[in-house]
N, C-alpha and C. Protein backbone atom coordinates (compact mmCIF):
# COMPACT_ATOMS: atom_id res chain seq x y z
N LEU A 1 0.84 -1.19 0.00
CA LEU A 1 0.00 0.00 0.00
C LEU A 1 0.87 1.24 0.00
N THR A 2 0.76 2.04 -1.02
CA THR A 2 1.58 3.25 -1.07
C THR A 2 0.89 4.45 -0.44
N ASP A 3 -0.40 4.36 -0.21
CA ASP A 3 -1.13 5.50 0.36
C ASP A 3 -1.56 5.22 1.80
N ALA A 4 -0.75 4.43 2.52
CA ALA A 4 -1.07 4.09 3.90
C ALA A 4 0.21 4.08 4.73
N LYS A 5 0.02 4.19 6.03
CA LYS A 5 1.15 4.08 6.94
C LYS A 5 0.70 3.29 8.17
N ILE A 6 1.64 2.88 8.97
CA ILE A 6 1.32 2.15 10.19
C ILE A 6 1.52 3.11 11.36
N ASP A 7 0.48 3.26 12.18
CA ASP A 7 0.59 4.15 13.33
C ASP A 7 1.28 3.45 14.50
N LYS A 8 1.42 4.15 15.63
CA LYS A 8 2.14 3.62 16.79
C LYS A 8 1.54 2.34 17.35
N SER A 9 0.23 2.15 17.16
CA SER A 9 -0.41 0.95 17.68
C SER A 9 -0.29 -0.23 16.72
N GLY A 10 0.25 0.01 15.52
CA GLY A 10 0.38 -1.05 14.52
C GLY A 10 -0.77 -1.10 13.54
N ALA A 11 -1.72 -0.18 13.67
CA ALA A 11 -2.86 -0.15 12.75
C ALA A 11 -2.47 0.54 11.45
N ILE A 12 -3.05 0.08 10.36
CA ILE A 12 -2.82 0.71 9.06
C ILE A 12 -3.77 1.90 8.95
N VAL A 13 -3.21 3.04 8.56
CA VAL A 13 -3.98 4.28 8.45
C VAL A 13 -3.85 4.80 7.03
N LYS A 14 -4.98 5.07 6.37
CA LYS A 14 -4.96 5.65 5.04
C LYS A 14 -4.45 7.08 5.14
N THR A 15 -3.55 7.47 4.26
CA THR A 15 -3.01 8.83 4.29
C THR A 15 -3.36 9.63 3.05
N GLU A 16 -3.82 8.97 2.02
CA GLU A 16 -4.17 9.65 0.79
C GLU A 16 -5.46 9.06 0.25
N GLY A 17 -5.99 9.70 -0.75
CA GLY A 17 -7.19 9.19 -1.40
C GLY A 17 -8.32 10.18 -1.31
N PHE A 18 -9.32 9.92 -2.08
CA PHE A 18 -10.47 10.80 -2.18
C PHE A 18 -11.70 9.94 -2.01
N TYR A 19 -12.43 10.14 -0.93
CA TYR A 19 -13.58 9.30 -0.62
C TYR A 19 -14.81 10.16 -0.46
N LYS A 20 -15.89 9.75 -1.10
CA LYS A 20 -17.16 10.45 -0.98
C LYS A 20 -18.25 9.43 -0.70
N ASN A 21 -19.29 9.88 -0.03
CA ASN A 21 -20.39 9.00 0.34
C ASN A 21 -21.24 8.64 -0.87
N ILE A 22 -21.70 7.40 -0.90
CA ILE A 22 -22.60 6.93 -1.94
C ILE A 22 -23.83 6.36 -1.26
N HIS A 23 -25.01 6.67 -1.78
CA HIS A 23 -26.25 6.29 -1.13
C HIS A 23 -27.25 5.79 -2.17
N ALA A 24 -27.78 4.61 -1.94
CA ALA A 24 -28.82 4.08 -2.82
C ALA A 24 -30.17 4.60 -2.38
N VAL A 25 -30.89 5.18 -3.32
CA VAL A 25 -32.22 5.73 -3.05
C VAL A 25 -33.24 4.77 -3.63
N ASP A 26 -33.83 3.96 -2.77
CA ASP A 26 -34.83 2.99 -3.19
C ASP A 26 -36.21 3.39 -2.67
N ALA A 27 -36.33 4.62 -2.28
CA ALA A 27 -37.52 5.08 -1.56
C ALA A 27 -38.76 5.10 -2.44
N ALA A 28 -39.87 4.88 -1.80
CA ALA A 28 -41.16 5.00 -2.45
C ALA A 28 -41.71 6.41 -2.24
N ALA A 29 -40.84 7.31 -1.81
CA ALA A 29 -41.23 8.70 -1.56
C ALA A 29 -40.11 9.61 -2.04
N ASN A 30 -40.30 10.91 -1.89
CA ASN A 30 -39.27 11.86 -2.26
C ASN A 30 -38.04 11.66 -1.37
N TYR A 31 -36.88 12.12 -1.85
CA TYR A 31 -35.65 11.94 -1.09
C TYR A 31 -35.03 13.29 -0.76
N GLN A 32 -34.75 13.53 0.51
CA GLN A 32 -34.08 14.74 0.98
C GLN A 32 -32.58 14.51 0.99
N VAL A 33 -31.84 15.27 0.19
CA VAL A 33 -30.38 15.17 0.18
C VAL A 33 -29.86 15.64 1.54
N VAL A 34 -28.93 14.87 2.11
CA VAL A 34 -28.35 15.22 3.41
C VAL A 34 -26.91 15.69 3.21
N ASN A 35 -26.33 16.24 4.27
CA ASN A 35 -25.01 16.87 4.18
C ASN A 35 -23.91 15.99 3.64
N ASN A 36 -23.92 14.69 3.95
CA ASN A 36 -22.81 13.85 3.50
C ASN A 36 -23.11 13.10 2.21
N ASP A 37 -24.22 13.36 1.55
CA ASP A 37 -24.51 12.73 0.26
C ASP A 37 -23.58 13.29 -0.81
N TYR A 38 -23.12 12.41 -1.67
CA TYR A 38 -22.35 12.83 -2.84
C TYR A 38 -22.93 12.15 -4.08
N THR A 39 -22.88 10.81 -4.10
CA THR A 39 -23.48 10.06 -5.21
C THR A 39 -24.79 9.46 -4.74
N LEU A 40 -25.84 9.70 -5.50
CA LEU A 40 -27.14 9.11 -5.22
C LEU A 40 -27.45 8.13 -6.34
N ILE A 41 -27.62 6.88 -5.97
CA ILE A 41 -28.00 5.86 -6.94
C ILE A 41 -29.51 5.76 -6.89
N LEU A 42 -30.15 6.18 -7.96
CA LEU A 42 -31.61 6.14 -8.04
C LEU A 42 -32.00 4.81 -8.67
N ARG A 43 -32.69 3.98 -7.90
CA ARG A 43 -33.11 2.69 -8.45
C ARG A 43 -34.49 2.33 -7.94
N THR A 44 -35.11 1.50 -8.69
CA THR A 44 -36.45 0.96 -8.40
C THR A 44 -37.46 2.04 -8.03
N LEU A 45 -37.34 3.20 -8.64
CA LEU A 45 -38.36 4.22 -8.43
C LEU A 45 -39.52 3.89 -9.35
N SER A 46 -40.67 3.65 -8.80
CA SER A 46 -41.81 3.20 -9.58
C SER A 46 -42.56 4.35 -10.24
N GLN A 47 -42.32 5.55 -9.79
CA GLN A 47 -42.94 6.73 -10.40
C GLN A 47 -42.01 7.91 -10.20
N THR A 48 -42.34 9.03 -10.85
CA THR A 48 -41.50 10.21 -10.73
C THR A 48 -41.41 10.65 -9.28
N ARG A 49 -40.20 10.87 -8.80
CA ARG A 49 -39.94 11.31 -7.43
C ARG A 49 -39.20 12.63 -7.47
N THR A 50 -39.26 13.36 -6.37
CA THR A 50 -38.52 14.61 -6.25
C THR A 50 -37.30 14.38 -5.38
N VAL A 51 -36.15 14.79 -5.90
CA VAL A 51 -34.92 14.81 -5.12
C VAL A 51 -34.84 16.21 -4.52
N LEU A 52 -34.95 16.29 -3.20
CA LEU A 52 -34.98 17.57 -2.50
C LEU A 52 -33.55 18.03 -2.26
N LEU A 53 -33.10 18.97 -3.09
CA LEU A 53 -31.74 19.47 -3.04
C LEU A 53 -31.61 20.55 -1.98
N PRO A 54 -30.41 20.72 -1.42
CA PRO A 54 -30.21 21.87 -0.53
C PRO A 54 -30.23 23.16 -1.33
N ASP A 55 -30.52 24.26 -0.66
CA ASP A 55 -30.51 25.57 -1.30
C ASP A 55 -29.10 25.82 -1.85
N PRO A 56 -28.95 26.09 -3.14
CA PRO A 56 -27.61 26.27 -3.71
C PRO A 56 -26.86 27.45 -3.10
N LYS A 57 -27.57 28.38 -2.49
CA LYS A 57 -26.91 29.52 -1.84
C LYS A 57 -26.20 29.12 -0.56
N THR A 58 -26.52 27.94 -0.02
CA THR A 58 -25.91 27.49 1.24
C THR A 58 -24.77 26.51 1.04
N CYS A 59 -24.46 26.16 -0.22
CA CYS A 59 -23.44 25.11 -0.43
C CYS A 59 -22.64 25.35 -1.71
N THR A 60 -22.15 26.56 -1.87
CA THR A 60 -21.35 26.91 -3.05
C THR A 60 -20.23 25.89 -3.26
N GLY A 61 -20.15 25.39 -4.48
CA GLY A 61 -19.10 24.44 -4.84
C GLY A 61 -19.47 22.98 -4.66
N ARG A 62 -20.54 22.72 -3.96
CA ARG A 62 -20.93 21.32 -3.71
C ARG A 62 -21.30 20.64 -5.02
N ILE A 63 -20.86 19.39 -5.14
CA ILE A 63 -21.16 18.57 -6.31
C ILE A 63 -21.99 17.38 -5.86
N LEU A 64 -23.02 17.08 -6.62
CA LEU A 64 -23.82 15.87 -6.40
C LEU A 64 -23.85 15.09 -7.71
N VAL A 65 -23.81 13.77 -7.59
CA VAL A 65 -23.91 12.89 -8.74
C VAL A 65 -25.20 12.09 -8.57
N LEU A 66 -26.05 12.13 -9.58
CA LEU A 66 -27.29 11.37 -9.58
C LEU A 66 -27.16 10.32 -10.68
N TRP A 67 -27.24 9.05 -10.29
CA TRP A 67 -26.98 7.96 -11.23
C TRP A 67 -28.16 7.01 -11.27
N ASN A 68 -28.53 6.59 -12.48
CA ASN A 68 -29.59 5.61 -12.65
C ASN A 68 -29.01 4.22 -12.45
N GLY A 69 -29.31 3.63 -11.30
CA GLY A 69 -28.83 2.30 -10.97
C GLY A 69 -29.78 1.20 -11.36
N ASN A 70 -30.85 1.55 -12.08
CA ASN A 70 -31.80 0.55 -12.54
C ASN A 70 -31.25 -0.05 -13.83
N ARG A 71 -31.08 -1.34 -13.86
CA ARG A 71 -30.41 -1.97 -15.00
C ARG A 71 -31.23 -2.00 -16.28
N THR A 72 -32.55 -1.86 -16.18
CA THR A 72 -33.37 -2.02 -17.38
C THR A 72 -34.24 -0.82 -17.70
N ASN A 73 -34.56 0.01 -16.73
CA ASN A 73 -35.54 1.07 -16.97
C ASN A 73 -34.96 2.47 -16.81
N SER A 74 -35.58 3.40 -17.51
CA SER A 74 -35.28 4.80 -17.29
C SER A 74 -35.94 5.23 -15.99
N ILE A 75 -35.39 6.25 -15.35
CA ILE A 75 -35.94 6.77 -14.10
C ILE A 75 -36.27 8.24 -14.29
N SER A 76 -37.46 8.63 -13.86
CA SER A 76 -37.88 10.02 -13.94
C SER A 76 -37.79 10.65 -12.57
N TRP A 77 -37.30 11.89 -12.50
CA TRP A 77 -37.17 12.58 -11.23
C TRP A 77 -37.30 14.08 -11.44
N MET A 78 -37.58 14.76 -10.38
CA MET A 78 -37.69 16.22 -10.38
C MET A 78 -36.84 16.75 -9.23
N SER A 79 -36.60 18.06 -9.22
CA SER A 79 -35.89 18.66 -8.10
C SER A 79 -36.66 19.87 -7.61
N ASN A 80 -36.41 20.25 -6.38
CA ASN A 80 -37.12 21.38 -5.78
C ASN A 80 -36.48 22.71 -6.10
N TYR A 81 -35.26 22.71 -6.68
CA TYR A 81 -34.59 23.93 -7.13
C TYR A 81 -34.29 23.79 -8.61
N ASP A 82 -34.28 24.91 -9.31
CA ASP A 82 -33.91 24.87 -10.72
C ASP A 82 -32.51 24.32 -10.88
N ILE A 83 -32.34 23.57 -11.93
CA ILE A 83 -31.01 23.12 -12.33
C ILE A 83 -30.77 23.80 -13.67
N TYR A 84 -29.75 24.65 -13.71
CA TYR A 84 -29.47 25.43 -14.90
C TYR A 84 -29.41 24.53 -16.13
N ILE A 85 -30.09 24.90 -17.14
CA ILE A 85 -30.31 24.17 -18.39
C ILE A 85 -31.61 23.40 -18.34
N SER A 86 -32.00 22.91 -17.16
CA SER A 86 -33.24 22.15 -17.06
C SER A 86 -34.05 22.66 -15.87
N PRO A 87 -35.18 23.33 -16.11
CA PRO A 87 -35.94 23.86 -14.98
C PRO A 87 -36.48 22.77 -14.06
N SER A 88 -36.64 23.12 -12.79
CA SER A 88 -37.04 22.12 -11.80
C SER A 88 -38.44 21.59 -12.05
N THR A 89 -39.26 22.34 -12.75
CA THR A 89 -40.62 21.88 -13.00
C THR A 89 -40.67 20.81 -14.08
N ALA A 90 -39.59 20.68 -14.83
CA ALA A 90 -39.56 19.68 -15.89
C ALA A 90 -39.08 18.34 -15.31
N THR A 91 -39.74 17.28 -15.72
CA THR A 91 -39.29 15.95 -15.32
C THR A 91 -38.00 15.64 -16.06
N LYS A 92 -37.03 15.15 -15.32
CA LYS A 92 -35.75 14.75 -15.90
C LYS A 92 -35.74 13.23 -16.00
N THR A 93 -35.15 12.72 -17.04
CA THR A 93 -35.11 11.27 -17.21
C THR A 93 -33.67 10.82 -17.35
N LEU A 94 -33.32 9.84 -16.56
CA LEU A 94 -32.01 9.19 -16.67
C LEU A 94 -32.23 7.81 -17.25
N VAL A 95 -31.63 7.53 -18.41
CA VAL A 95 -31.73 6.18 -18.96
C VAL A 95 -30.80 5.29 -18.14
N ASN A 96 -31.01 3.97 -18.22
CA ASN A 96 -30.22 3.07 -17.38
C ASN A 96 -28.72 3.28 -17.61
N GLY A 97 -28.01 3.45 -16.50
CA GLY A 97 -26.57 3.66 -16.52
C GLY A 97 -26.13 5.11 -16.68
N GLN A 98 -27.05 6.02 -16.96
CA GLN A 98 -26.71 7.43 -17.16
C GLN A 98 -26.57 8.15 -15.82
N ASN A 99 -25.74 9.20 -15.79
CA ASN A 99 -25.64 10.02 -14.58
C ASN A 99 -25.63 11.50 -14.93
N TRP A 100 -26.01 12.28 -13.94
CA TRP A 100 -25.92 13.74 -14.00
C TRP A 100 -25.02 14.17 -12.86
N GLN A 101 -24.07 15.05 -13.14
CA GLN A 101 -23.32 15.72 -12.10
C GLN A 101 -23.83 17.15 -12.06
N ILE A 102 -24.19 17.60 -10.87
CA ILE A 102 -24.65 18.97 -10.72
C ILE A 102 -23.80 19.65 -9.64
N GLN A 103 -23.60 20.95 -9.81
CA GLN A 103 -22.77 21.70 -8.86
C GLN A 103 -23.44 23.04 -8.57
N SER A 104 -23.34 23.45 -7.30
CA SER A 104 -23.87 24.74 -6.90
C SER A 104 -22.82 25.82 -7.18
N ASP A 105 -23.27 26.90 -7.82
CA ASP A 105 -22.38 28.04 -8.02
C ASP A 105 -22.67 29.15 -7.01
N GLY A 106 -23.48 28.83 -6.01
CA GLY A 106 -23.85 29.81 -4.99
C GLY A 106 -25.16 30.51 -5.29
N TYR A 107 -25.68 30.27 -6.49
CA TYR A 107 -26.98 30.83 -6.89
C TYR A 107 -27.91 29.74 -7.44
N TYR A 108 -27.34 28.86 -8.27
CA TYR A 108 -28.12 27.83 -8.95
C TYR A 108 -27.40 26.49 -8.87
N TRP A 109 -28.14 25.43 -9.13
CA TRP A 109 -27.54 24.14 -9.41
C TRP A 109 -27.31 24.09 -10.92
N ILE A 110 -26.12 23.67 -11.32
CA ILE A 110 -25.74 23.65 -12.74
C ILE A 110 -25.35 22.24 -13.10
N LYS A 111 -25.90 21.73 -14.21
CA LYS A 111 -25.49 20.42 -14.72
C LYS A 111 -24.13 20.59 -15.36
N ILE A 112 -23.12 19.84 -14.86
CA ILE A 112 -21.75 20.03 -15.34
C ILE A 112 -21.23 18.88 -16.20
N ASN A 113 -22.06 17.88 -16.45
CA ASN A 113 -21.59 16.82 -17.39
C ASN A 113 -22.63 16.56 -18.43
């Protein structure tokens, strides 16, 4: 391991790397994004759901990844804040395997991929 060291107790400690939280959203209801969410795997959503994003003015620079983890079906979702290029009132569709990366610029959520 090149990105680890052994501490005084003999335990291996990671010293490098980039780790972000990943969360599977299998809910039958809307989903509220929480502070440690980074990647949201949207799967088995039986109808259009709303992903409740934080106010972009409170999290400048934050990036969220929304990924369709359903192997066979497209997933429809909405958001409670506008996402630049796609208004929040419009249903967004992720085909199987597709993802959206969105980032707050301090005013709006912007689709960056």
